[in-house]
Amino acid sequence: MNITKVEAAVGNIAIVSGSEVLIIDVQSALDLIATVHYEADSNRIIINKSLIIESFFDLKTRLAGEILQKFINYRVKVAIVGDFSVYKSKSLKDFIYESNNGNDIFFLPTEEQAIEKLSQR
């Protein structure tokens, strides 16, 4: 796992990259939150969807809700970056739409859009 810091008016934004899946369950998400906080002094994270286990995007598994609730509980804003058009589930599309209209969790196509969104208060 690599963490790159981007400075913004609201503090550091951490861009997490890597070649293997980092989030496979709630504990691995908590580990990521702790690592980013320690290494980048950041409560704003950008992560590519390829670093998240595929079952996260199947809402029936409840994994997305459990994991994203931890980000909310620890007051960490997260932007998941990637192409979400590959998913046909209406409930997932609704979930993404609702998340993007909130303040803490975003599903965006590019890192640039994620940095812009996480740079807002």
N, C-alpha and C. Protein backbone atom coordinates (compact mmCIF):
# COMPACT_ATOMS: atom_id res chain seq x y z
N MET A 1 0.85 -1.18 0.00
CA MET A 1 0.00 0.00 0.00
C MET A 1 0.89 1.24 0.00
N ASN A 2 0.50 2.19 -0.84
CA ASN A 2 1.19 3.47 -0.90
C ASN A 2 0.20 4.56 -0.54
N ILE A 3 0.67 5.54 0.21
CA ILE A 3 -0.17 6.68 0.59
C ILE A 3 0.52 7.95 0.12
N THR A 4 -0.19 8.71 -0.71
CA THR A 4 0.30 9.99 -1.19
C THR A 4 -0.55 11.08 -0.55
N LYS A 5 0.11 12.11 -0.01
CA LYS A 5 -0.63 13.21 0.61
C LYS A 5 -0.79 14.36 -0.36
N VAL A 6 -2.00 14.91 -0.36
CA VAL A 6 -2.29 16.12 -1.11
C VAL A 6 -2.75 17.15 -0.09
N GLU A 7 -2.10 18.30 -0.09
CA GLU A 7 -2.49 19.34 0.86
C GLU A 7 -3.66 20.12 0.31
N ALA A 8 -4.63 20.35 1.19
CA ALA A 8 -5.82 21.12 0.83
C ALA A 8 -6.11 22.08 1.97
N ALA A 9 -6.98 23.03 1.72
CA ALA A 9 -7.33 24.02 2.75
C ALA A 9 -7.93 23.34 3.99
N VAL A 10 -8.54 22.18 3.79
CA VAL A 10 -9.18 21.47 4.91
C VAL A 10 -8.24 20.49 5.61
N GLY A 11 -6.99 20.42 5.15
CA GLY A 11 -6.02 19.48 5.71
C GLY A 11 -5.54 18.51 4.65
N ASN A 12 -4.82 17.51 5.06
CA ASN A 12 -4.29 16.53 4.11
C ASN A 12 -5.39 15.63 3.58
N ILE A 13 -5.27 15.31 2.31
CA ILE A 13 -6.09 14.28 1.69
C ILE A 13 -5.13 13.15 1.32
N ALA A 14 -5.45 11.94 1.74
CA ALA A 14 -4.59 10.79 1.48
C ALA A 14 -5.11 10.02 0.27
N ILE A 15 -4.24 9.81 -0.70
CA ILE A 15 -4.59 8.98 -1.85
C ILE A 15 -3.91 7.63 -1.63
N VAL A 16 -4.72 6.60 -1.49
CA VAL A 16 -4.22 5.26 -1.22
C VAL A 16 -4.16 4.49 -2.53
N SER A 17 -3.02 3.90 -2.80
CA SER A 17 -2.87 3.09 -4.01
C SER A 17 -2.18 1.78 -3.65
N GLY A 18 -2.22 0.86 -4.57
CA GLY A 18 -1.59 -0.43 -4.33
C GLY A 18 -1.95 -1.39 -5.44
N SER A 19 -1.41 -2.58 -5.35
CA SER A 19 -1.64 -3.57 -6.39
C SER A 19 -2.51 -4.73 -5.91
N GLU A 20 -2.90 -4.71 -4.65
CA GLU A 20 -3.74 -5.79 -4.15
C GLU A 20 -4.92 -5.22 -3.38
N VAL A 21 -5.94 -6.04 -3.21
CA VAL A 21 -7.15 -5.62 -2.50
C VAL A 21 -6.79 -5.31 -1.04
N LEU A 22 -7.16 -4.12 -0.58
CA LEU A 22 -6.84 -3.69 0.77
C LEU A 22 -8.02 -3.83 1.74
N ILE A 23 -9.22 -3.60 1.22
CA ILE A 23 -10.40 -3.67 2.08
C ILE A 23 -11.17 -4.94 1.72
N ILE A 24 -11.14 -5.90 2.64
CA ILE A 24 -11.87 -7.15 2.42
C ILE A 24 -12.97 -7.36 3.45
N ASP A 25 -12.89 -6.61 4.55
CA ASP A 25 -13.88 -6.73 5.62
C ASP A 25 -13.81 -5.49 6.50
N VAL A 26 -14.62 -5.46 7.55
CA VAL A 26 -14.67 -4.29 8.43
C VAL A 26 -13.31 -4.04 9.08
N GLN A 27 -12.65 -5.08 9.55
CA GLN A 27 -11.36 -4.91 10.23
C GLN A 27 -10.31 -4.32 9.31
N SER A 28 -10.26 -4.76 8.07
CA SER A 28 -9.27 -4.20 7.14
C SER A 28 -9.57 -2.74 6.83
N ALA A 29 -10.85 -2.36 6.84
CA ALA A 29 -11.20 -0.95 6.66
C ALA A 29 -10.74 -0.13 7.86
N LEU A 30 -10.93 -0.66 9.06
CA LEU A 30 -10.46 0.02 10.27
C LEU A 30 -8.94 0.16 10.26
N ASP A 31 -8.26 -0.90 9.81
CA ASP A 31 -6.80 -0.85 9.71
C ASP A 31 -6.36 0.24 8.74
N LEU A 32 -7.07 0.37 7.62
CA LEU A 32 -6.75 1.40 6.64
C LEU A 32 -6.95 2.79 7.24
N ILE A 33 -8.06 2.99 7.93
CA ILE A 33 -8.33 4.28 8.57
C ILE A 33 -7.20 4.64 9.54
N ALA A 34 -6.79 3.68 10.36
CA ALA A 34 -5.74 3.92 11.35
C ALA A 34 -4.40 4.20 10.68
N THR A 35 -4.07 3.43 9.66
CA THR A 35 -2.80 3.62 8.95
C THR A 35 -2.73 4.99 8.28
N VAL A 36 -3.81 5.37 7.62
CA VAL A 36 -3.84 6.68 6.95
C VAL A 36 -3.75 7.80 7.98
N HIS A 37 -4.44 7.66 9.08
CA HIS A 37 -4.39 8.69 10.12
C HIS A 37 -2.96 8.83 10.66
N TYR A 38 -2.31 7.70 10.89
CA TYR A 38 -0.95 7.70 11.45
C TYR A 38 0.08 8.19 10.43
N GLU A 39 0.02 7.68 9.20
CA GLU A 39 1.05 7.98 8.22
C GLU A 39 0.85 9.31 7.48
N ALA A 40 -0.42 9.71 7.30
CA ALA A 40 -0.68 10.91 6.50
C ALA A 40 -1.36 12.01 7.30
N ASP A 41 -1.64 11.74 8.57
CA ASP A 41 -2.36 12.70 9.42
C ASP A 41 -3.58 13.24 8.69
N SER A 42 -4.40 12.29 8.20
CA SER A 42 -5.54 12.68 7.37
C SER A 42 -6.81 11.95 7.78
N ASN A 43 -7.93 12.67 7.67
CA ASN A 43 -9.23 12.05 7.86
C ASN A 43 -10.05 12.13 6.57
N ARG A 44 -9.33 12.23 5.45
CA ARG A 44 -9.95 12.23 4.11
C ARG A 44 -9.14 11.30 3.23
N ILE A 45 -9.84 10.30 2.69
CA ILE A 45 -9.15 9.23 1.96
C ILE A 45 -9.75 9.07 0.56
N ILE A 46 -8.86 8.92 -0.41
CA ILE A 46 -9.26 8.55 -1.77
C ILE A 46 -8.71 7.16 -2.02
N ILE A 47 -9.58 6.26 -2.47
CA ILE A 47 -9.16 4.88 -2.74
C ILE A 47 -9.82 4.40 -4.02
N ASN A 48 -9.05 3.72 -4.85
CA ASN A 48 -9.60 3.18 -6.08
C ASN A 48 -10.45 1.97 -5.76
N LYS A 49 -11.52 1.80 -6.49
CA LYS A 49 -12.44 0.69 -6.23
C LYS A 49 -11.77 -0.67 -6.42
N SER A 50 -10.69 -0.72 -7.19
CA SER A 50 -9.98 -1.98 -7.39
C SER A 50 -9.30 -2.47 -6.11
N LEU A 51 -9.17 -1.59 -5.12
CA LEU A 51 -8.54 -1.97 -3.85
C LEU A 51 -9.57 -2.45 -2.82
N ILE A 52 -10.83 -2.55 -3.26
CA ILE A 52 -11.92 -2.98 -2.39
C ILE A 52 -12.48 -4.28 -2.94
N ILE A 53 -12.73 -5.23 -2.05
CA ILE A 53 -13.26 -6.53 -2.46
C ILE A 53 -14.57 -6.34 -3.24
N GLU A 54 -14.73 -7.13 -4.28
CA GLU A 54 -15.86 -6.97 -5.19
C GLU A 54 -17.21 -7.16 -4.49
N SER A 55 -17.27 -8.00 -3.48
CA SER A 55 -18.55 -8.23 -2.78
C SER A 55 -19.05 -6.97 -2.06
N PHE A 56 -18.18 -5.99 -1.87
CA PHE A 56 -18.58 -4.70 -1.30
C PHE A 56 -19.68 -4.06 -2.15
N PHE A 57 -19.60 -4.24 -3.46
CA PHE A 57 -20.52 -3.60 -4.39
C PHE A 57 -21.81 -4.39 -4.60
N ASP A 58 -21.95 -5.52 -3.90
CA ASP A 58 -23.20 -6.28 -3.88
C ASP A 58 -23.86 -5.95 -2.55
N LEU A 59 -24.84 -5.07 -2.57
CA LEU A 59 -25.42 -4.56 -1.33
C LEU A 59 -26.06 -5.65 -0.48
N LYS A 60 -26.43 -6.76 -1.10
CA LYS A 60 -27.03 -7.86 -0.33
C LYS A 60 -26.07 -8.42 0.71
N THR A 61 -24.78 -8.26 0.50
CA THR A 61 -23.80 -8.77 1.47
C THR A 61 -23.73 -7.90 2.73
N ARG A 62 -24.27 -6.68 2.65
CA ARG A 62 -24.26 -5.69 3.73
C ARG A 62 -22.85 -5.18 4.06
N LEU A 63 -21.86 -5.62 3.31
CA LEU A 63 -20.48 -5.24 3.57
C LEU A 63 -20.27 -3.74 3.39
N ALA A 64 -20.83 -3.17 2.33
CA ALA A 64 -20.66 -1.73 2.08
C ALA A 64 -21.19 -0.92 3.26
N GLY A 65 -22.38 -1.25 3.72
CA GLY A 65 -22.97 -0.52 4.84
C GLY A 65 -22.14 -0.62 6.10
N GLU A 66 -21.67 -1.84 6.40
CA GLU A 66 -20.87 -2.05 7.62
C GLU A 66 -19.55 -1.30 7.54
N ILE A 67 -18.91 -1.36 6.38
CA ILE A 67 -17.61 -0.70 6.23
C ILE A 67 -17.77 0.82 6.23
N LEU A 68 -18.71 1.32 5.46
CA LEU A 68 -18.87 2.78 5.37
C LEU A 68 -19.35 3.37 6.68
N GLN A 69 -20.07 2.59 7.49
CA GLN A 69 -20.48 3.07 8.81
C GLN A 69 -19.25 3.34 9.68
N LYS A 70 -18.20 2.56 9.53
CA LYS A 70 -16.96 2.78 10.30
C LYS A 70 -16.32 4.11 9.89
N PHE A 71 -16.33 4.42 8.60
CA PHE A 71 -15.79 5.70 8.16
C PHE A 71 -16.58 6.84 8.81
N ILE A 72 -17.90 6.71 8.85
CA ILE A 72 -18.76 7.73 9.47
C ILE A 72 -18.45 7.82 10.97
N ASN A 73 -18.40 6.67 11.63
CA ASN A 73 -18.16 6.64 13.09
C ASN A 73 -16.85 7.32 13.46
N TYR A 74 -15.83 7.14 12.64
CA TYR A 74 -14.51 7.71 12.92
C TYR A 74 -14.31 9.06 12.24
N ARG A 75 -15.39 9.60 11.69
CA ARG A 75 -15.38 10.92 11.05
C ARG A 75 -14.33 11.04 9.95
N VAL A 76 -14.27 10.01 9.12
CA VAL A 76 -13.36 9.97 7.98
C VAL A 76 -14.18 10.07 6.70
N LYS A 77 -13.87 11.06 5.90
CA LYS A 77 -14.53 11.21 4.60
C LYS A 77 -13.77 10.34 3.60
N VAL A 78 -14.52 9.68 2.72
CA VAL A 78 -13.88 8.78 1.76
C VAL A 78 -14.49 8.97 0.38
N ALA A 79 -13.60 8.95 -0.62
CA ALA A 79 -14.02 8.96 -2.01
C ALA A 79 -13.49 7.69 -2.66
N ILE A 80 -14.41 6.92 -3.19
CA ILE A 80 -14.04 5.70 -3.92
C ILE A 80 -14.06 6.06 -5.40
N VAL A 81 -12.95 5.80 -6.06
CA VAL A 81 -12.77 6.25 -7.44
C VAL A 81 -12.79 5.05 -8.39
N GLY A 82 -13.52 5.22 -9.49
CA GLY A 82 -13.54 4.16 -10.49
C GLY A 82 -14.74 4.26 -11.40
N ASP A 83 -14.90 3.24 -12.22
CA ASP A 83 -16.02 3.17 -13.15
C ASP A 83 -17.11 2.31 -12.53
N PHE A 84 -18.20 2.95 -12.14
CA PHE A 84 -19.29 2.24 -11.48
C PHE A 84 -20.41 1.87 -12.46
N SER A 85 -20.23 2.23 -13.73
CA SER A 85 -21.25 1.91 -14.73
C SER A 85 -21.30 0.41 -15.02
N VAL A 86 -20.28 -0.33 -14.59
CA VAL A 86 -20.26 -1.77 -14.82
C VAL A 86 -21.28 -2.50 -13.95
N TYR A 87 -21.79 -1.84 -12.92
CA TYR A 87 -22.76 -2.46 -12.03
C TYR A 87 -24.17 -2.14 -12.50
N LYS A 88 -24.99 -3.16 -12.59
CA LYS A 88 -26.35 -3.00 -13.11
C LYS A 88 -27.40 -2.88 -12.02
N SER A 89 -27.03 -3.11 -10.77
CA SER A 89 -27.97 -3.10 -9.66
C SER A 89 -28.57 -1.71 -9.44
N LYS A 90 -29.90 -1.63 -9.50
CA LYS A 90 -30.56 -0.35 -9.26
C LYS A 90 -30.33 0.12 -7.83
N SER A 91 -30.35 -0.81 -6.87
CA SER A 91 -30.14 -0.41 -5.48
C SER A 91 -28.74 0.15 -5.27
N LEU A 92 -27.74 -0.40 -5.94
CA LEU A 92 -26.37 0.14 -5.83
C LEU A 92 -26.31 1.52 -6.48
N LYS A 93 -26.94 1.67 -7.63
CA LYS A 93 -26.94 2.99 -8.29
C LYS A 93 -27.63 4.02 -7.39
N ASP A 94 -28.72 3.65 -6.74
CA ASP A 94 -29.41 4.55 -5.81
C ASP A 94 -28.51 4.87 -4.62
N PHE A 95 -27.82 3.86 -4.11
CA PHE A 95 -26.91 4.05 -2.98
C PHE A 95 -25.79 5.03 -3.34
N ILE A 96 -25.23 4.87 -4.52
CA ILE A 96 -24.16 5.76 -4.99
C ILE A 96 -24.71 7.18 -5.15
N TYR A 97 -25.89 7.30 -5.72
CA TYR A 97 -26.50 8.62 -5.91
C TYR A 97 -26.71 9.31 -4.57
N GLU A 98 -27.28 8.60 -3.61
CA GLU A 98 -27.52 9.18 -2.28
C GLU A 98 -26.22 9.55 -1.58
N SER A 99 -25.23 8.68 -1.68
CA SER A 99 -23.92 8.96 -1.06
C SER A 99 -23.31 10.22 -1.66
N ASN A 100 -23.36 10.35 -2.96
CA ASN A 100 -22.76 11.51 -3.64
C ASN A 100 -23.48 12.81 -3.30
N ASN A 101 -24.71 12.72 -2.83
CA ASN A 101 -25.44 13.92 -2.43
C ASN A 101 -25.25 14.24 -0.95
N GLY A 102 -24.47 13.43 -0.26
CA GLY A 102 -24.17 13.67 1.15
C GLY A 102 -22.87 14.45 1.30
N ASN A 103 -22.27 14.32 2.47
CA ASN A 103 -21.05 15.08 2.78
C ASN A 103 -19.83 14.23 3.11
N ASP A 104 -20.00 12.91 3.20
CA ASP A 104 -18.92 12.10 3.76
C ASP A 104 -18.40 10.98 2.86
N ILE A 105 -19.26 10.44 2.00
CA ILE A 105 -18.90 9.29 1.18
C ILE A 105 -19.24 9.61 -0.27
N PHE A 106 -18.25 9.38 -1.14
CA PHE A 106 -18.44 9.73 -2.54
C PHE A 106 -17.94 8.61 -3.45
N PHE A 107 -18.63 8.41 -4.54
CA PHE A 107 -18.24 7.47 -5.58
C PHE A 107 -18.04 8.30 -6.84
N LEU A 108 -16.79 8.47 -7.25
CA LEU A 108 -16.47 9.41 -8.33
C LEU A 108 -15.60 8.74 -9.39
N PRO A 109 -15.64 9.26 -10.61
CA PRO A 109 -14.87 8.63 -11.69
C PRO A 109 -13.37 8.92 -11.68
N THR A 110 -12.94 10.06 -11.13
CA THR A 110 -11.52 10.41 -11.22
C THR A 110 -10.98 10.89 -9.86
N GLU A 111 -9.67 10.77 -9.72
CA GLU A 111 -8.99 11.28 -8.53
C GLU A 111 -9.14 12.79 -8.43
N GLU A 112 -9.09 13.47 -9.56
CA GLU A 112 -9.21 14.93 -9.56
C GLU A 112 -10.55 15.36 -8.97
N GLN A 113 -11.64 14.68 -9.39
CA GLN A 113 -12.96 15.00 -8.85
C GLN A 113 -13.02 14.68 -7.36
N ALA A 114 -12.36 13.59 -6.96
CA ALA A 114 -12.34 13.20 -5.56
C ALA A 114 -11.60 14.24 -4.71
N ILE A 115 -10.48 14.73 -5.21
CA ILE A 115 -9.73 15.76 -4.47
C ILE A 115 -10.59 17.01 -4.35
N GLU A 116 -11.25 17.39 -5.42
CA GLU A 116 -12.10 18.58 -5.38
C GLU A 116 -13.23 18.41 -4.35
N LYS A 117 -13.87 17.26 -4.35
CA LYS A 117 -14.99 17.01 -3.44
C LYS A 117 -14.51 16.97 -1.98
N LEU A 118 -13.39 16.29 -1.74
CA LEU A 118 -12.88 16.18 -0.36
C LEU A 118 -12.24 17.46 0.12
N SER A 119 -11.97 18.39 -0.77
CA SER A 119 -11.39 19.68 -0.36
C SER A 119 -12.44 20.64 0.17
N GLN A 120 -13.70 20.29 0.00
CA GLN A 120 -14.78 21.12 0.50
C GLN A 120 -15.00 20.84 1.98
N ARG A 121 -15.45 21.82 2.69
CA ARG A 121 -15.68 21.67 4.13
C ARG A 121 -16.86 20.80 4.42
